[in-house]
Amino acid sequence: MQEREIICISCPMGCRMTVTLSENEVIKVENNTCKRGETYAKQECISPMRMVTAVAPVKGSKTPISVKTEEPIPKDKIMAVMDEINSSNFSTPIHIGDTLIENVASTGVNVIATKTLL
């Protein structure tokens, strides 16, 4: 068995949790003050996920567009997602919430605009 110390980012408490693992299974989570901490610890230790936020150039505009993934993606796919965002040729008009890239890096998650650029 292995123990891992992590800090929860699910709420402002920032609990320092001890997670006991056996291969790819969480056996025990200690020192969390809420259920969200246990959920976060299990996901973070087995299959970490992250939201990706970025800015990307827009053809014909000096102002870049801010974008984000609609949902968290596997942490090991971040670079592939960023490569796809950076190699895209976005053009105006773009409205907040528009899907700019579908199924980015084969994650099943879309990249959307977080502002309007006309």
C-alpha atoms as a PDB file:
ATOM      1  CA  MET A   1       0.000   0.000   0.000  1.00  0.00           C
ATOM      2  CA  GLN A   2       1.014   3.549  -0.674  1.00  0.00           C
ATOM      3  CA  GLU A   3       0.039   6.807   1.014  1.00  0.00           C
ATOM      4  CA  ARG A   4      -0.214  10.097  -0.827  1.00  0.00           C
ATOM      5  CA  GLU A   5      -0.687  13.575   0.627  1.00  0.00           C
ATOM      6  CA  ILE A   6      -2.854  15.948  -1.434  1.00  0.00           C
ATOM      7  CA  ILE A   7      -4.525  19.292  -0.890  1.00  0.00           C
ATOM      8  CA  CYS A   8      -8.184  19.417  -1.859  1.00  0.00           C
ATOM      9  CA  ILE A   9      -9.241  22.196  -4.242  1.00  0.00           C
ATOM     10  CA  SER A  10     -12.974  21.447  -4.211  1.00  0.00           C
ATOM     11  CA  CYS A  11     -13.819  24.165  -1.706  1.00  0.00           C
ATOM     12  CA  PRO A  12     -12.070  27.028   0.126  1.00  0.00           C
ATOM     13  CA  MET A  13     -11.131  24.811   3.111  1.00  0.00           C
ATOM     14  CA  GLY A  14      -8.060  23.382   1.319  1.00  0.00           C
ATOM     15  CA  CYS A  15      -7.982  20.205   3.392  1.00  0.00           C
ATOM     16  CA  ARG A  16      -4.650  18.356   3.558  1.00  0.00           C
ATOM     17  CA  MET A  17      -5.775  14.813   2.940  1.00  0.00           C
ATOM     18  CA  THR A  18      -3.987  11.514   3.239  1.00  0.00           C
ATOM     19  CA  VAL A  19      -5.007   9.023   0.580  1.00  0.00           C
ATOM     20  CA  THR A  20      -4.192   5.332   0.945  1.00  0.00           C
ATOM     21  CA  LEU A  21      -3.859   3.523  -2.374  1.00  0.00           C
ATOM     22  CA  SER A  22      -3.490  -0.085  -3.409  1.00  0.00           C
ATOM     23  CA  GLU A  23      -2.432  -0.252  -7.079  1.00  0.00           C
ATOM     24  CA  ASN A  24      -5.139   1.749  -8.919  1.00  0.00           C
ATOM     25  CA  GLU A  25      -7.682   1.759  -6.124  1.00  0.00           C
ATOM     26  CA  VAL A  26      -8.291   4.243  -3.320  1.00  0.00           C
ATOM     27  CA  ILE A  27      -8.622   2.347  -0.046  1.00  0.00           C
ATOM     28  CA  LYS A  28      -9.049   5.242   2.379  1.00  0.00           C
ATOM     29  CA  VAL A  29      -9.250   9.063   2.452  1.00  0.00           C
ATOM     30  CA  GLU A  30      -8.452  10.832   5.720  1.00  0.00           C
ATOM     31  CA  ASN A  31      -8.600  14.442   6.953  1.00  0.00           C
ATOM     32  CA  ASN A  32     -11.276  15.654   4.533  1.00  0.00           C
ATOM     33  CA  THR A  33     -13.969  17.802   6.135  1.00  0.00           C
ATOM     34  CA  CYS A  34     -16.637  17.182   3.499  1.00  0.00           C
ATOM     35  CA  LYS A  35     -17.782  14.542   1.022  1.00  0.00           C
ATOM     36  CA  ARG A  36     -16.430  16.605  -1.896  1.00  0.00           C
ATOM     37  CA  GLY A  37     -12.925  16.056  -0.541  1.00  0.00           C
ATOM     38  CA  GLU A  38     -13.293  12.298  -0.701  1.00  0.00           C
ATOM     39  CA  THR A  39     -14.656  12.496  -4.254  1.00  0.00           C
ATOM     40  CA  TYR A  40     -11.825  14.812  -5.319  1.00  0.00           C
ATOM     41  CA  ALA A  41      -9.160  12.593  -3.735  1.00  0.00           C
ATOM     42  CA  LYS A  42     -10.416   9.478  -5.496  1.00  0.00           C
ATOM     43  CA  GLN A  43     -10.511  11.176  -8.882  1.00  0.00           C
ATOM     44  CA  GLU A  44      -7.178  12.991  -8.463  1.00  0.00           C
ATOM     45  CA  CYS A  45      -5.306   9.845  -7.459  1.00  0.00           C
ATOM     46  CA  ILE A  46      -6.799   7.515 -10.084  1.00  0.00           C
ATOM     47  CA  SER A  47      -7.687   9.687 -13.090  1.00  0.00           C
ATOM     48  CA  PRO A  48      -6.821  13.390 -12.676  1.00  0.00           C
ATOM     49  CA  MET A  49      -8.943  15.805 -14.713  1.00  0.00           C
ATOM     50  CA  ARG A  50      -8.484  19.507 -15.458  1.00  0.00           C
ATOM     51  CA  MET A  51     -10.369  22.357 -17.082  1.00  0.00           C
ATOM     52  CA  VAL A  52      -8.319  24.040 -19.795  1.00  0.00           C
ATOM     53  CA  THR A  53      -8.530  27.784 -20.311  1.00  0.00           C
ATOM     54  CA  ALA A  54      -6.544  29.610 -22.970  1.00  0.00           C
ATOM     55  CA  VAL A  55      -6.449  32.508 -25.396  1.00  0.00           C
ATOM     56  CA  ALA A  56      -6.130  31.935 -29.119  1.00  0.00           C
ATOM     57  CA  PRO A  57      -5.463  34.186 -32.070  1.00  0.00           C
ATOM     58  CA  VAL A  58      -8.341  35.177 -34.334  1.00  0.00           C
ATOM     59  CA  LYS A  59      -7.762  35.721 -38.034  1.00  0.00           C
ATOM     60  CA  GLY A  60      -7.951  39.435 -38.896  1.00  0.00           C
ATOM     61  CA  SER A  61      -8.175  40.567 -35.249  1.00  0.00           C
ATOM     62  CA  LYS A  62      -5.560  42.027 -32.922  1.00  0.00           C
ATOM     63  CA  THR A  63      -7.643  40.781 -29.991  1.00  0.00           C
ATOM     64  CA  PRO A  64      -7.358  37.074 -29.118  1.00  0.00           C
ATOM     65  CA  ILE A  65     -10.374  35.020 -28.077  1.00  0.00           C
ATOM     66  CA  SER A  66     -10.556  33.453 -24.625  1.00  0.00           C
ATOM     67  CA  VAL A  67     -11.650  29.817 -24.660  1.00  0.00           C
ATOM     68  CA  LYS A  68     -12.173  26.921 -22.279  1.00  0.00           C
ATOM     69  CA  THR A  69     -13.126  23.271 -22.312  1.00  0.00           C
ATOM     70  CA  GLU A  70     -16.799  22.717 -21.480  1.00  0.00           C
ATOM     71  CA  GLU A  71     -15.839  20.040 -18.967  1.00  0.00           C
ATOM     72  CA  PRO A  72     -12.650  18.801 -17.354  1.00  0.00           C
ATOM     73  CA  ILE A  73     -10.434  16.644 -19.569  1.00  0.00           C
ATOM     74  CA  PRO A  74      -7.866  13.984 -18.620  1.00  0.00           C
ATOM     75  CA  LYS A  75      -4.748  15.738 -17.334  1.00  0.00           C
ATOM     76  CA  ASP A  76      -2.514  13.836 -19.750  1.00  0.00           C
ATOM     77  CA  LYS A  77      -4.430  15.340 -22.721  1.00  0.00           C
ATOM     78  CA  ILE A  78      -3.737  18.998 -21.825  1.00  0.00           C
ATOM     79  CA  MET A  79      -0.850  19.423 -24.277  1.00  0.00           C
ATOM     80  CA  ALA A  80      -2.805  17.814 -27.142  1.00  0.00           C
ATOM     81  CA  VAL A  81      -5.755  20.126 -26.391  1.00  0.00           C
ATOM     82  CA  MET A  82      -3.481  23.183 -26.325  1.00  0.00           C
ATOM     83  CA  ASP A  83      -1.827  22.132 -29.603  1.00  0.00           C
ATOM     84  CA  GLU A  84      -5.248  21.885 -31.246  1.00  0.00           C
ATOM     85  CA  ILE A  85      -6.363  25.258 -29.868  1.00  0.00           C
ATOM     86  CA  ASN A  86      -3.136  26.936 -30.980  1.00  0.00           C
ATOM     87  CA  SER A  87      -3.294  25.474 -34.490  1.00  0.00           C
ATOM     88  CA  SER A  88      -6.934  26.479 -35.075  1.00  0.00           C
ATOM     89  CA  ASN A  89      -7.874  29.370 -37.365  1.00  0.00           C
ATOM     90  CA  PHE A  90     -10.724  31.124 -35.620  1.00  0.00           C
ATOM     91  CA  SER A  91     -12.502  33.999 -37.340  1.00  0.00           C
ATOM     92  CA  THR A  92     -15.110  36.530 -36.270  1.00  0.00           C
ATOM     93  CA  PRO A  93     -17.879  36.814 -35.357  1.00  0.00           C
ATOM     94  CA  ILE A  94     -17.543  34.698 -32.222  1.00  0.00           C
ATOM     95  CA  HIS A  95     -20.179  34.791 -29.471  1.00  0.00           C
ATOM     96  CA  ILE A  96     -19.805  33.732 -25.881  1.00  0.00           C
ATOM     97  CA  GLY A  97     -20.716  30.050 -25.596  1.00  0.00           C
ATOM     98  CA  ASP A  98     -20.023  29.251 -29.264  1.00  0.00           C
ATOM     99  CA  THR A  99     -18.472  25.829 -29.798  1.00  0.00           C
ATOM    100  CA  LEU A 100     -15.150  26.516 -31.490  1.00  0.00           C
ATOM    101  CA  ILE A 101     -13.710  22.980 -31.508  1.00  0.00           C
ATOM    102  CA  GLU A 102     -15.780  19.821 -31.193  1.00  0.00           C
ATOM    103  CA  ASN A 103     -14.324  16.733 -29.518  1.00  0.00           C
ATOM    104  CA  VAL A 104     -10.966  18.409 -28.923  1.00  0.00           C
ATOM    105  CA  ALA A 105      -8.047  15.941 -28.982  1.00  0.00           C
ATOM    106  CA  SER A 106     -10.571  13.062 -29.111  1.00  0.00           C
ATOM    107  CA  THR A 107     -11.636  13.752 -25.508  1.00  0.00           C
ATOM    108  CA  GLY A 108     -15.353  13.988 -26.254  1.00  0.00           C
ATOM    109  CA  VAL A 109     -15.262  17.540 -24.858  1.00  0.00           C
ATOM    110  CA  ASN A 110     -15.834  20.759 -26.813  1.00  0.00           C
ATOM    111  CA  VAL A 111     -13.855  23.998 -26.608  1.00  0.00           C
ATOM    112  CA  ILE A 112     -16.115  27.033 -26.263  1.00  0.00           C
ATOM    113  CA  ALA A 113     -15.671  30.810 -26.425  1.00  0.00           C
ATOM    114  CA  THR A 114     -15.778  32.631 -23.104  1.00  0.00           C
ATOM    115  CA  LYS A 115     -16.344  36.083 -24.600  1.00  0.00           C
ATOM    116  CA  THR A 116     -17.829  37.717 -27.678  1.00  0.00           C
ATOM    117  CA  LEU A 117     -15.562  39.017 -30.406  1.00  0.00           C
ATOM    118  CA  LEU A 118     -17.259  40.731 -33.361  1.00  0.00           C
END
